[in-house]
Amino acid sequence: MFSFKKKKLKIPDLSKFPAIPKENKLPKFPSYGAPKKPDIPPLPPLKSDFEIPKREPLIKQQPLMTTPTFEEETQRSRPELQGKPVYVKMEEYKKILNALDLVKNKINKAESTLLSIERFKEREDMELRRWKEEINRIKENLIMVEKRLSGSQI
């Protein structure tokens, strides 16, 4: 029904390359030469005493490790909201509670780590005291031996 007969293309024999004419006449283009540079005066020499002016920071940086006191926090709170109820979405409230639980857990973990470090330090200090006592005992014995040896030679 929709069948068409495909025409077979005849491919020329390319075993021989076609001859290129020897006369290669290309059109001549006019030569304009190099473009002329505009007359611009040279730049003045750089000043060697050039300094970048120092600027004061726009925002004063506060120390990183300050812990605000309760009084500072109440001063920072918004006075127009004092005594009025604050409405928070339940989702946000749950997020806040979860964040607080996470902080509490991390604080408890840090406290237990500090406690174990303190115990380890106490054991270490006790061991060092034992070593010092042993060294002092050895010193006393050495002094006693020296006295007996020096006393018998006289």
C-alpha atoms as a PDB file:
ATOM      1  CA  MET A   1       0.000   0.000   0.000  1.00  0.00           C
ATOM      2  CA  PHE A   2       2.614   2.569   1.014  1.00  0.00           C
ATOM      3  CA  SER A   3       5.485   0.939  -0.692  1.00  0.00           C
ATOM      4  CA  PHE A   4       7.722   3.080  -2.761  1.00  0.00           C
ATOM      5  CA  LYS A   5      10.567   1.812  -4.711  1.00  0.00           C
ATOM      6  CA  LYS A   6      13.802   3.226  -3.487  1.00  0.00           C
ATOM      7  CA  LYS A   7      15.929   4.757  -6.106  1.00  0.00           C
ATOM      8  CA  LYS A   8      19.491   3.624  -6.118  1.00  0.00           C
ATOM      9  CA  LEU A   9      21.941   6.478  -6.246  1.00  0.00           C
ATOM     10  CA  LYS A  10      24.767   6.263  -8.641  1.00  0.00           C
ATOM     11  CA  ILE A  11      28.061   6.870  -6.921  1.00  0.00           C
ATOM     12  CA  PRO A  12      30.725   8.233  -9.238  1.00  0.00           C
ATOM     13  CA  ASP A  13      34.035   6.466  -9.445  1.00  0.00           C
ATOM     14  CA  LEU A  14      36.466   8.388  -7.232  1.00  0.00           C
ATOM     15  CA  SER A  15      39.599   6.500  -8.098  1.00  0.00           C
ATOM     16  CA  LYS A  16      40.753   9.534 -10.060  1.00  0.00           C
ATOM     17  CA  PHE A  17      40.665  12.925  -8.446  1.00  0.00           C
ATOM     18  CA  PRO A  18      39.356  15.755 -10.508  1.00  0.00           C
ATOM     19  CA  ALA A  19      41.984  18.093 -11.871  1.00  0.00           C
ATOM     20  CA  ILE A  20      42.365  21.467 -10.157  1.00  0.00           C
ATOM     21  CA  PRO A  21      42.946  24.388 -12.455  1.00  0.00           C
ATOM     22  CA  LYS A  22      46.444  25.834 -12.080  1.00  0.00           C
ATOM     23  CA  GLU A  23      45.300  29.377 -12.270  1.00  0.00           C
ATOM     24  CA  ASN A  24      44.146  30.308  -8.830  1.00  0.00           C
ATOM     25  CA  LYS A  25      42.819  33.787  -9.215  1.00  0.00           C
ATOM     26  CA  LEU A  26      41.563  35.056  -5.924  1.00  0.00           C
ATOM     27  CA  PRO A  27      40.107  38.525  -5.635  1.00  0.00           C
ATOM     28  CA  LYS A  28      42.476  41.101  -4.186  1.00  0.00           C
ATOM     29  CA  PHE A  29      41.416  42.814  -1.005  1.00  0.00           C
ATOM     30  CA  PRO A  30      42.572  46.330  -0.196  1.00  0.00           C
ATOM     31  CA  SER A  31      45.163  46.593   2.561  1.00  0.00           C
ATOM     32  CA  TYR A  32      44.511  49.243   5.132  1.00  0.00           C
ATOM     33  CA  GLY A  33      47.617  48.701   7.267  1.00  0.00           C
ATOM     34  CA  ALA A  34      47.700  48.700  11.058  1.00  0.00           C
ATOM     35  CA  PRO A  35      45.018  50.740  12.810  1.00  0.00           C
ATOM     36  CA  LYS A  36      46.122  54.101  14.082  1.00  0.00           C
ATOM     37  CA  LYS A  37      46.397  54.466  17.849  1.00  0.00           C
ATOM     38  CA  PRO A  38      44.607  57.464  19.345  1.00  0.00           C
ATOM     39  CA  ASP A  39      46.764  60.057  21.061  1.00  0.00           C
ATOM     40  CA  ILE A  40      46.326  59.230  24.747  1.00  0.00           C
ATOM     41  CA  PRO A  41      48.640  60.801  27.294  1.00  0.00           C
ATOM     42  CA  PRO A  42      50.637  58.314  29.399  1.00  0.00           C
ATOM     43  CA  LEU A  43      49.441  57.429  32.908  1.00  0.00           C
ATOM     44  CA  PRO A  44      51.028  59.315  35.782  1.00  0.00           C
ATOM     45  CA  PRO A  45      53.487  57.284  37.902  1.00  0.00           C
ATOM     46  CA  LEU A  46      52.067  55.437  40.912  1.00  0.00           C
ATOM     47  CA  LYS A  47      52.595  56.992  44.301  1.00  0.00           C
ATOM     48  CA  SER A  48      54.658  54.710  46.523  1.00  0.00           C
ATOM     49  CA  ASP A  49      53.167  56.078  49.744  1.00  0.00           C
ATOM     50  CA  PHE A  50      49.643  54.990  48.801  1.00  0.00           C
ATOM     51  CA  GLU A  51      47.804  53.460  51.742  1.00  0.00           C
ATOM     52  CA  ILE A  52      44.369  52.005  52.027  1.00  0.00           C
ATOM     53  CA  PRO A  53      42.471  54.024  54.597  1.00  0.00           C
ATOM     54  CA  LYS A  54      41.409  52.081  57.671  1.00  0.00           C
ATOM     55  CA  ARG A  55      37.723  51.967  58.390  1.00  0.00           C
ATOM     56  CA  GLU A  56      35.951  51.310  61.624  1.00  0.00           C
ATOM     57  CA  PRO A  57      33.649  48.271  61.486  1.00  0.00           C
ATOM     58  CA  LEU A  58      30.001  49.114  61.080  1.00  0.00           C
ATOM     59  CA  ILE A  59      28.972  46.575  63.707  1.00  0.00           C
ATOM     60  CA  LYS A  60      30.959  46.244  66.900  1.00  0.00           C
ATOM     61  CA  GLN A  61      31.842  42.610  67.470  1.00  0.00           C
ATOM     62  CA  GLN A  62      31.061  41.169  70.854  1.00  0.00           C
ATOM     63  CA  PRO A  63      33.270  38.566  72.501  1.00  0.00           C
ATOM     64  CA  LEU A  64      32.284  35.037  71.546  1.00  0.00           C
ATOM     65  CA  MET A  65      32.202  33.523  75.028  1.00  0.00           C
ATOM     66  CA  THR A  66      29.959  35.876  76.961  1.00  0.00           C
ATOM     67  CA  THR A  67      27.104  34.326  78.857  1.00  0.00           C
ATOM     68  CA  PRO A  68      24.224  36.733  79.294  1.00  0.00           C
ATOM     69  CA  THR A  69      22.816  37.142  82.763  1.00  0.00           C
ATOM     70  CA  PHE A  70      19.120  37.098  83.514  1.00  0.00           C
ATOM     71  CA  GLU A  71      19.063  40.876  83.895  1.00  0.00           C
ATOM     72  CA  GLU A  72      20.627  41.363  80.465  1.00  0.00           C
ATOM     73  CA  GLU A  73      18.071  39.038  78.905  1.00  0.00           C
ATOM     74  CA  THR A  74      15.140  40.916  80.417  1.00  0.00           C
ATOM     75  CA  GLN A  75      16.574  44.194  79.154  1.00  0.00           C
ATOM     76  CA  ARG A  76      16.837  42.749  75.641  1.00  0.00           C
ATOM     77  CA  SER A  77      13.256  41.438  75.606  1.00  0.00           C
ATOM     78  CA  ARG A  78      10.644  43.502  73.871  1.00  0.00           C
ATOM     79  CA  PRO A  79       8.826  45.731  76.379  1.00  0.00           C
ATOM     80  CA  GLU A  80       5.605  45.820  74.349  1.00  0.00           C
ATOM     81  CA  LEU A  81       5.199  42.033  74.790  1.00  0.00           C
ATOM     82  CA  GLN A  82       5.748  41.951  78.539  1.00  0.00           C
ATOM     83  CA  GLY A  83       2.698  40.668  80.360  1.00  0.00           C
ATOM     84  CA  LYS A  84       0.886  39.713  77.143  1.00  0.00           C
ATOM     85  CA  PRO A  85       0.386  36.129  75.947  1.00  0.00           C
ATOM     86  CA  VAL A  86       2.584  34.975  73.094  1.00  0.00           C
ATOM     87  CA  TYR A  87       1.051  32.643  70.547  1.00  0.00           C
ATOM     88  CA  VAL A  88       3.257  30.053  68.876  1.00  0.00           C
ATOM     89  CA  LYS A  89       2.299  27.401  66.350  1.00  0.00           C
ATOM     90  CA  MET A  90       2.158  23.931  67.843  1.00  0.00           C
ATOM     91  CA  GLU A  91       4.665  22.626  65.264  1.00  0.00           C
ATOM     92  CA  GLU A  92       7.146  25.333  66.229  1.00  0.00           C
ATOM     93  CA  TYR A  93       6.581  24.612  69.925  1.00  0.00           C
ATOM     94  CA  LYS A  94       7.319  20.909  69.379  1.00  0.00           C
ATOM     95  CA  LYS A  95      10.456  21.800  67.417  1.00  0.00           C
ATOM     96  CA  ILE A  96      11.606  24.009  70.295  1.00  0.00           C
ATOM     97  CA  LEU A  97      10.943  21.234  72.828  1.00  0.00           C
ATOM     98  CA  ASN A  98      12.888  18.751  70.688  1.00  0.00           C
ATOM     99  CA  ALA A  99      15.789  21.199  70.390  1.00  0.00           C
ATOM    100  CA  LEU A 100      15.780  21.714  74.171  1.00  0.00           C
ATOM    101  CA  ASP A 101      15.830  17.944  74.749  1.00  0.00           C
ATOM    102  CA  LEU A 102      18.742  17.639  72.357  1.00  0.00           C
ATOM    103  CA  VAL A 103      20.659  20.367  74.197  1.00  0.00           C
ATOM    104  CA  LYS A 104      19.903  18.733  77.562  1.00  0.00           C
ATOM    105  CA  ASN A 105      21.177  15.386  76.293  1.00  0.00           C
ATOM    106  CA  LYS A 106      24.377  16.953  75.015  1.00  0.00           C
ATOM    107  CA  ILE A 107      24.913  18.766  78.324  1.00  0.00           C
ATOM    108  CA  ASN A 108      24.380  15.510  80.249  1.00  0.00           C
ATOM    109  CA  LYS A 109      26.849  13.733  77.980  1.00  0.00           C
ATOM    110  CA  ALA A 110      29.398  16.534  78.452  1.00  0.00           C
ATOM    111  CA  GLU A 111      28.948  16.368  82.243  1.00  0.00           C
ATOM    112  CA  SER A 112      29.448  12.598  82.294  1.00  0.00           C
ATOM    113  CA  THR A 113      32.559  12.973  80.138  1.00  0.00           C
ATOM    114  CA  LEU A 114      33.922  15.610  82.517  1.00  0.00           C
ATOM    115  CA  LEU A 115      33.154  13.377  85.497  1.00  0.00           C
ATOM    116  CA  SER A 116      35.024  10.459  83.942  1.00  0.00           C
ATOM    117  CA  ILE A 117      37.972  12.749  83.154  1.00  0.00           C
ATOM    118  CA  GLU A 118      37.995  13.973  86.772  1.00  0.00           C
ATOM    119  CA  ARG A 119      37.989  10.353  88.038  1.00  0.00           C
ATOM    120  CA  PHE A 120      40.823   9.486  85.702  1.00  0.00           C
ATOM    121  CA  LYS A 121      42.775  12.544  86.884  1.00  0.00           C
ATOM    122  CA  GLU A 122      42.221  11.584  90.531  1.00  0.00           C
ATOM    123  CA  ARG A 123      43.562   8.059  89.865  1.00  0.00           C
ATOM    124  CA  GLU A 124      46.509   9.556  88.014  1.00  0.00           C
ATOM    125  CA  ASP A 125      47.256  11.972  90.876  1.00  0.00           C
ATOM    126  CA  MET A 126      47.043   9.121  93.399  1.00  0.00           C
ATOM    127  CA  GLU A 127      49.485   7.058  91.326  1.00  0.00           C
ATOM    128  CA  LEU A 128      51.881  10.020  91.093  1.00  0.00           C
ATOM    129  CA  ARG A 129      51.723  10.471  94.887  1.00  0.00           C
ATOM    130  CA  ARG A 130      52.616   6.778  95.338  1.00  0.00           C
ATOM    131  CA  TRP A 131      55.576   7.167  92.994  1.00  0.00           C
ATOM    132  CA  LYS A 132      56.798  10.263  94.874  1.00  0.00           C
ATOM    133  CA  GLU A 133      56.501   8.414  98.196  1.00  0.00           C
ATOM    134  CA  GLU A 134      58.443   5.477  96.766  1.00  0.00           C
ATOM    135  CA  ILE A 135      61.162   7.779  95.443  1.00  0.00           C
ATOM    136  CA  ASN A 136      61.389   9.530  98.848  1.00  0.00           C
ATOM    137  CA  ARG A 137      61.687   6.110 100.590  1.00  0.00           C
ATOM    138  CA  ILE A 138      64.461   5.109  98.196  1.00  0.00           C
ATOM    139  CA  LYS A 139      66.239   8.444  98.821  1.00  0.00           C
ATOM    140  CA  GLU A 140      66.041   7.905 102.616  1.00  0.00           C
ATOM    141  CA  ASN A 141      67.443   4.394 102.279  1.00  0.00           C
ATOM    142  CA  LEU A 142      70.227   5.683 100.027  1.00  0.00           C
ATOM    143  CA  ILE A 143      71.137   8.430 102.538  1.00  0.00           C
ATOM    144  CA  MET A 144      71.131   5.894 105.380  1.00  0.00           C
ATOM    145  CA  VAL A 145      73.418   3.564 103.406  1.00  0.00           C
ATOM    146  CA  GLU A 146      75.783   6.461 102.589  1.00  0.00           C
ATOM    147  CA  LYS A 147      75.952   7.461 106.289  1.00  0.00           C
ATOM    148  CA  ARG A 148      76.771   3.900 107.389  1.00  0.00           C
ATOM    149  CA  LEU A 149      79.406   3.529 104.699  1.00  0.00           C
ATOM    150  CA  SER A 150      80.986   6.895 105.418  1.00  0.00           C
ATOM    151  CA  GLY A 151      80.841   6.262 109.215  1.00  0.00           C
ATOM    152  CA  SER A 152      82.594   2.902 108.996  1.00  0.00           C
ATOM    153  CA  GLN A 153      85.466   4.268 106.928  1.00  0.00           C
ATOM    154  CA  ILE A 154      86.514   6.828 109.556  1.00  0.00           C
END
